[in-house]
Amino acid sequence: MLERKVLEGKIRLPITRIEPSNKAPRGVHIDDLANYIDAQRAAAVKECEQLNRRRA
C-alpha cells in the first residue's frame, strides 16, 4: 500500500531499487522514512493542540 501511494504521488518519499534489476525489490532509505514519520507526527501534534484550544 505504501509503495502504491508513493508511486501515485500521494506520499512524497524517494523509492529506489535495492539492485539494478527491474525485478529487484524497492526500498526507502531509513532516514527518508524517519523524516516522513516525524513530519506526520508534527502535523498531528499541531492539529491536536488546535483542537484542544477550541475546547478550552
PDB file of N, CA and C in Angstrom:
ATOM      1  N   MET A   1       0.833  -1.189   0.000  1.00  0.00           N
ATOM      2  CA  MET A   1       0.000   0.000   0.000  1.00  0.00           C
ATOM      3  C   MET A   1       0.879   1.255   0.000  1.00  0.00           C
ATOM      4  N   LEU A   2       1.942   1.252   0.806  1.00  0.00           N
ATOM      5  CA  LEU A   2       2.836   2.409   0.859  1.00  0.00           C
ATOM      6  C   LEU A   2       3.477   2.636  -0.500  1.00  0.00           C
ATOM      7  N   GLU A   3       3.977   1.570  -1.093  1.00  0.00           N
ATOM      8  CA  GLU A   3       4.623   1.703  -2.399  1.00  0.00           C
ATOM      9  C   GLU A   3       3.649   2.260  -3.439  1.00  0.00           C
ATOM     10  N   ARG A   4       2.428   1.784  -3.442  1.00  0.00           N
ATOM     11  CA  ARG A   4       1.427   2.258  -4.390  1.00  0.00           C
ATOM     12  C   ARG A   4       1.177   3.749  -4.201  1.00  0.00           C
ATOM     13  N   LYS A   5       1.024   4.184  -2.948  1.00  0.00           N
ATOM     14  CA  LYS A   5       0.758   5.606  -2.689  1.00  0.00           C
ATOM     15  C   LYS A   5       1.942   6.477  -3.086  1.00  0.00           C
ATOM     16  N   VAL A   6       3.156   5.977  -2.865  1.00  0.00           N
ATOM     17  CA  VAL A   6       4.340   6.736  -3.267  1.00  0.00           C
ATOM     18  C   VAL A   6       4.389   6.861  -4.783  1.00  0.00           C
ATOM     19  N   LEU A   7       4.152   5.752  -5.483  1.00  0.00           N
ATOM     20  CA  LEU A   7       4.193   5.780  -6.943  1.00  0.00           C
ATOM     21  C   LEU A   7       3.080   6.638  -7.531  1.00  0.00           C
ATOM     22  N   GLU A   8       1.945   6.748  -6.837  1.00  0.00           N
ATOM     23  CA  GLU A   8       0.848   7.607  -7.284  1.00  0.00           C
ATOM     24  C   GLU A   8       1.099   9.071  -6.935  1.00  0.00           C
ATOM     25  N   GLY A   9       2.095   9.343  -6.104  1.00  0.00           N
ATOM     26  CA  GLY A   9       2.400  10.707  -5.706  1.00  0.00           C
ATOM     27  C   GLY A   9       1.621  11.192  -4.501  1.00  0.00           C
ATOM     28  N   LYS A  10       0.906  10.301  -3.834  1.00  0.00           N
ATOM     29  CA  LYS A  10       0.126  10.688  -2.659  1.00  0.00           C
ATOM     30  C   LYS A  10       1.010  10.847  -1.430  1.00  0.00           C
ATOM     31  N   ILE A  11       2.131  10.144  -1.411  1.00  0.00           N
ATOM     32  CA  ILE A  11       3.114  10.259  -0.331  1.00  0.00           C
ATOM     33  C   ILE A  11       4.448  10.585  -0.992  1.00  0.00           C
ATOM     34  N   ARG A  12       5.111  11.610  -0.475  1.00  0.00           N
ATOM     35  CA  ARG A  12       6.373  12.038  -1.077  1.00  0.00           C
ATOM     36  C   ARG A  12       7.550  11.389  -0.362  1.00  0.00           C
ATOM     37  N   LEU A  13       8.011  10.280  -0.921  1.00  0.00           N
ATOM     38  CA  LEU A  13       9.185   9.562  -0.419  1.00  0.00           C
ATOM     39  C   LEU A  13       9.979   9.062  -1.620  1.00  0.00           C
ATOM     40  N   PRO A  14      11.297   9.186  -1.577  1.00  0.00           N
ATOM     41  CA  PRO A  14      12.087   8.619  -2.670  1.00  0.00           C
ATOM     42  C   PRO A  14      12.207   7.096  -2.510  1.00  0.00           C
ATOM     43  N   ILE A  15      11.818   6.382  -3.540  1.00  0.00           N
ATOM     44  CA  ILE A  15      11.926   4.921  -3.537  1.00  0.00           C
ATOM     45  C   ILE A  15      13.014   4.530  -4.528  1.00  0.00           C
ATOM     46  N   THR A  16      13.798   3.561  -4.165  1.00  0.00           N
ATOM     47  CA  THR A  16      14.861   3.089  -5.031  1.00  0.00           C
ATOM     48  C   THR A  16      14.845   1.570  -5.088  1.00  0.00           C
ATOM     49  N   ARG A  17      15.394   1.038  -6.118  1.00  0.00           N
ATOM     50  CA  ARG A  17      15.555  -0.415  -6.211  1.00  0.00           C
ATOM     51  C   ARG A  17      16.821  -0.800  -5.457  1.00  0.00           C
ATOM     52  N   ILE A  18      16.765  -1.913  -4.772  1.00  0.00           N
ATOM     53  CA  ILE A  18      17.903  -2.379  -3.987  1.00  0.00           C
ATOM     54  C   ILE A  18      19.047  -2.815  -4.901  1.00  0.00           C
ATOM     55  N   GLU A  19      18.710  -3.363  -6.073  1.00  0.00           N
ATOM     56  CA  GLU A  19      19.691  -3.807  -7.065  1.00  0.00           C
ATOM     57  C   GLU A  19      19.281  -3.254  -8.424  1.00  0.00           C
ATOM     58  N   PRO A  20      20.162  -3.290  -9.411  1.00  0.00           N
ATOM     59  CA  PRO A  20      19.850  -2.720 -10.725  1.00  0.00           C
ATOM     60  C   PRO A  20      18.742  -3.445 -11.500  1.00  0.00           C
ATOM     61  N   SER A  21      18.414  -4.656 -11.157  1.00  0.00           N
ATOM     62  CA  SER A  21      17.417  -5.441 -11.876  1.00  0.00           C
ATOM     63  C   SER A  21      16.021  -4.841 -11.714  1.00  0.00           C
ATOM     64  N   ASN A  22      15.220  -4.921 -12.777  1.00  0.00           N
ATOM     65  CA  ASN A  22      13.833  -4.441 -12.698  1.00  0.00           C
ATOM     66  C   ASN A  22      12.990  -5.290 -11.762  1.00  0.00           C
ATOM     67  N   LYS A  23      13.412  -6.512 -11.505  1.00  0.00           N
ATOM     68  CA  LYS A  23      12.674  -7.401 -10.614  1.00  0.00           C
ATOM     69  C   LYS A  23      13.096  -7.234  -9.152  1.00  0.00           C
ATOM     70  N   ALA A  24      14.107  -6.434  -8.908  1.00  0.00           N
ATOM     71  CA  ALA A  24      14.604  -6.232  -7.547  1.00  0.00           C
ATOM     72  C   ALA A  24      13.559  -5.496  -6.712  1.00  0.00           C
ATOM     73  N   PRO A  25      13.483  -5.815  -5.448  1.00  0.00           N
ATOM     74  CA  PRO A  25      12.518  -5.107  -4.589  1.00  0.00           C
ATOM     75  C   PRO A  25      12.882  -3.630  -4.442  1.00  0.00           C
ATOM     76  N   ARG A  26      11.872  -2.840  -4.180  1.00  0.00           N
ATOM     77  CA  ARG A  26      12.079  -1.410  -3.949  1.00  0.00           C
ATOM     78  C   ARG A  26      12.201  -1.169  -2.459  1.00  0.00           C
ATOM     79  N   GLY A  27      12.879  -0.097  -2.128  1.00  0.00           N
ATOM     80  CA  GLY A  27      13.039   0.232  -0.723  1.00  0.00           C
ATOM     81  C   GLY A  27      13.108   1.732  -0.512  1.00  0.00           C
ATOM     82  N   VAL A  28      12.979   2.118   0.748  1.00  0.00           N
ATOM     83  CA  VAL A  28      13.062   3.521   1.156  1.00  0.00           C
ATOM     84  C   VAL A  28      14.194   3.626   2.165  1.00  0.00           C
ATOM     85  N   HIS A  29      15.027   4.632   2.011  1.00  0.00           N
ATOM     86  CA  HIS A  29      16.121   4.827   2.969  1.00  0.00           C
ATOM     87  C   HIS A  29      15.525   5.160   4.332  1.00  0.00           C
ATOM     88  N   ILE A  30      16.108   4.623   5.355  1.00  0.00           N
ATOM     89  CA  ILE A  30      15.572   4.775   6.719  1.00  0.00           C
ATOM     90  C   ILE A  30      15.509   6.245   7.142  1.00  0.00           C
ATOM     91  N   ASP A  31      16.467   7.057   6.720  1.00  0.00           N
ATOM     92  CA  ASP A  31      16.446   8.486   7.077  1.00  0.00           C
ATOM     93  C   ASP A  31      15.250   9.191   6.422  1.00  0.00           C
ATOM     94  N   ASP A  32      14.979   8.858   5.160  1.00  0.00           N
ATOM     95  CA  ASP A  32      13.832   9.459   4.472  1.00  0.00           C
ATOM     96  C   ASP A  32      12.526   9.056   5.138  1.00  0.00           C
ATOM     97  N   LEU A  33      12.423   7.788   5.517  1.00  0.00           N
ATOM     98  CA  LEU A  33      11.221   7.312   6.189  1.00  0.00           C
ATOM     99  C   LEU A  33      11.066   7.971   7.559  1.00  0.00           C
ATOM    100  N   ALA A  34      12.156   8.100   8.295  1.00  0.00           N
ATOM    101  CA  ALA A  34      12.103   8.739   9.610  1.00  0.00           C
ATOM    102  C   ALA A  34      11.677  10.204   9.489  1.00  0.00           C
ATOM    103  N   ASN A  35      12.198  10.905   8.492  1.00  0.00           N
ATOM    104  CA  ASN A  35      11.807  12.308   8.280  1.00  0.00           C
ATOM    105  C   ASN A  35      10.327  12.416   7.952  1.00  0.00           C
ATOM    106  N   TYR A  36       9.821  11.492   7.140  1.00  0.00           N
ATOM    107  CA  TYR A  36       8.399  11.487   6.803  1.00  0.00           C
ATOM    108  C   TYR A  36       7.546  11.254   8.049  1.00  0.00           C
ATOM    109  N   ILE A  37       7.933  10.282   8.854  1.00  0.00           N
ATOM    110  CA  ILE A  37       7.190   9.973  10.074  1.00  0.00           C
ATOM    111  C   ILE A  37       7.219  11.157  11.035  1.00  0.00           C
ATOM    112  N   ASP A  38       8.380  11.795  11.172  1.00  0.00           N
ATOM    113  CA  ASP A  38       8.485  12.967  12.043  1.00  0.00           C
ATOM    114  C   ASP A  38       7.579  14.101  11.565  1.00  0.00           C
ATOM    115  N   ALA A  39       7.516  14.308  10.262  1.00  0.00           N
ATOM    116  CA  ALA A  39       6.660  15.366   9.714  1.00  0.00           C
ATOM    117  C   ALA A  39       5.182  15.046   9.952  1.00  0.00           C
ATOM    118  N   GLN A  40       4.803  13.788   9.789  1.00  0.00           N
ATOM    119  CA  GLN A  40       3.418  13.387  10.039  1.00  0.00           C
ATOM    120  C   GLN A  40       3.069  13.574  11.516  1.00  0.00           C
ATOM    121  N   ARG A  41       3.982  13.238  12.395  1.00  0.00           N
ATOM    122  CA  ARG A  41       3.758  13.401  13.836  1.00  0.00           C
ATOM    123  C   ARG A  41       3.604  14.877  14.184  1.00  0.00           C
ATOM    124  N   ALA A  42       4.474  15.714  13.627  1.00  0.00           N
ATOM    125  CA  ALA A  42       4.398  17.151  13.906  1.00  0.00           C
ATOM    126  C   ALA A  42       3.048  17.720  13.464  1.00  0.00           C
ATOM    127  N   ALA A  43       2.571  17.285  12.312  1.00  0.00           N
ATOM    128  CA  ALA A  43       1.266  17.749  11.834  1.00  0.00           C
ATOM    129  C   ALA A  43       0.148  17.270  12.756  1.00  0.00           C
ATOM    130  N   ALA A  44       0.242  16.047  13.241  1.00  0.00           N
ATOM    131  CA  ALA A  44      -0.787  15.511  14.138  1.00  0.00           C
ATOM    132  C   ALA A  44      -0.773  16.237  15.479  1.00  0.00           C
ATOM    133  N   VAL A  45       0.404  16.526  16.003  1.00  0.00           N
ATOM    134  CA  VAL A  45       0.519  17.250  17.278  1.00  0.00           C
ATOM    135  C   VAL A  45      -0.070  18.648  17.136  1.00  0.00           C
ATOM    136  N   LYS A  46       0.245  19.304  16.016  1.00  0.00           N
ATOM    137  CA  LYS A  46      -0.283  20.650  15.779  1.00  0.00           C
ATOM    138  C   LYS A  46      -1.807  20.624  15.702  1.00  0.00           C
ATOM    139  N   GLU A  47      -2.352  19.662  14.989  1.00  0.00           N
ATOM    140  CA  GLU A  47      -3.802  19.546  14.867  1.00  0.00           C
ATOM    141  C   GLU A  47      -4.446  19.264  16.226  1.00  0.00           C
ATOM    142  N   CYS A  48      -3.829  18.408  17.008  1.00  0.00           N
ATOM    143  CA  CYS A  48      -4.348  18.081  18.335  1.00  0.00           C
ATOM    144  C   CYS A  48      -4.356  19.316  19.237  1.00  0.00           C
ATOM    145  N   GLU A  49      -3.278  20.079  19.203  1.00  0.00           N
ATOM    146  CA  GLU A  49      -3.205  21.295  20.014  1.00  0.00           C
ATOM    147  C   GLU A  49      -4.281  22.295  19.602  1.00  0.00           C
ATOM    148  N   GLN A  50      -4.508  22.435  18.300  1.00  0.00           N
ATOM    149  CA  GLN A  50      -5.527  23.359  17.824  1.00  0.00           C
ATOM    150  C   GLN A  50      -6.922  22.922  18.254  1.00  0.00           C
ATOM    151  N   LEU A  51      -7.194  21.630  18.194  1.00  0.00           N
ATOM    152  CA  LEU A  51      -8.491  21.123  18.615  1.00  0.00           C
ATOM    153  C   LEU A  51      -8.704  21.312  20.114  1.00  0.00           C
ATOM    154  N   ASN A  52      -7.663  21.104  20.895  1.00  0.00           N
ATOM    155  CA  ASN A  52      -7.780  21.256  22.347  1.00  0.00           C
ATOM    156  C   ASN A  52      -7.938  22.701  22.776  1.00  0.00           C
ATOM    157  N   ARG A  53      -7.375  23.644  22.025  1.00  0.00           N
ATOM    158  CA  ARG A  53      -7.539  25.072  22.327  1.00  0.00           C
ATOM    159  C   ARG A  53      -8.984  25.496  22.119  1.00  0.00           C
ATOM    160  N   ARG A  54      -9.631  24.943  21.116  1.00  0.00           N
ATOM    161  CA  ARG A  54     -11.025  25.302  20.831  1.00  0.00           C
ATOM    162  C   ARG A  54     -11.957  24.843  21.938  1.00  0.00           C
ATOM    163  N   ARG A  55     -11.644  23.760  22.573  1.00  0.00           N
ATOM    164  CA  ARG A  55     -12.496  23.209  23.608  1.00  0.00           C
ATOM    165  C   ARG A  55     -12.310  23.912  24.957  1.00  0.00           C
ATOM    166  N   ALA A  56     -11.149  24.515  25.140  1.00  0.00           N
ATOM    167  CA  ALA A  56     -10.851  25.128  26.441  1.00  0.00           C
ATOM    168  C   ALA A  56     -11.578  26.436  26.650  1.00  0.00           C
TER     169      ALA A  56
END
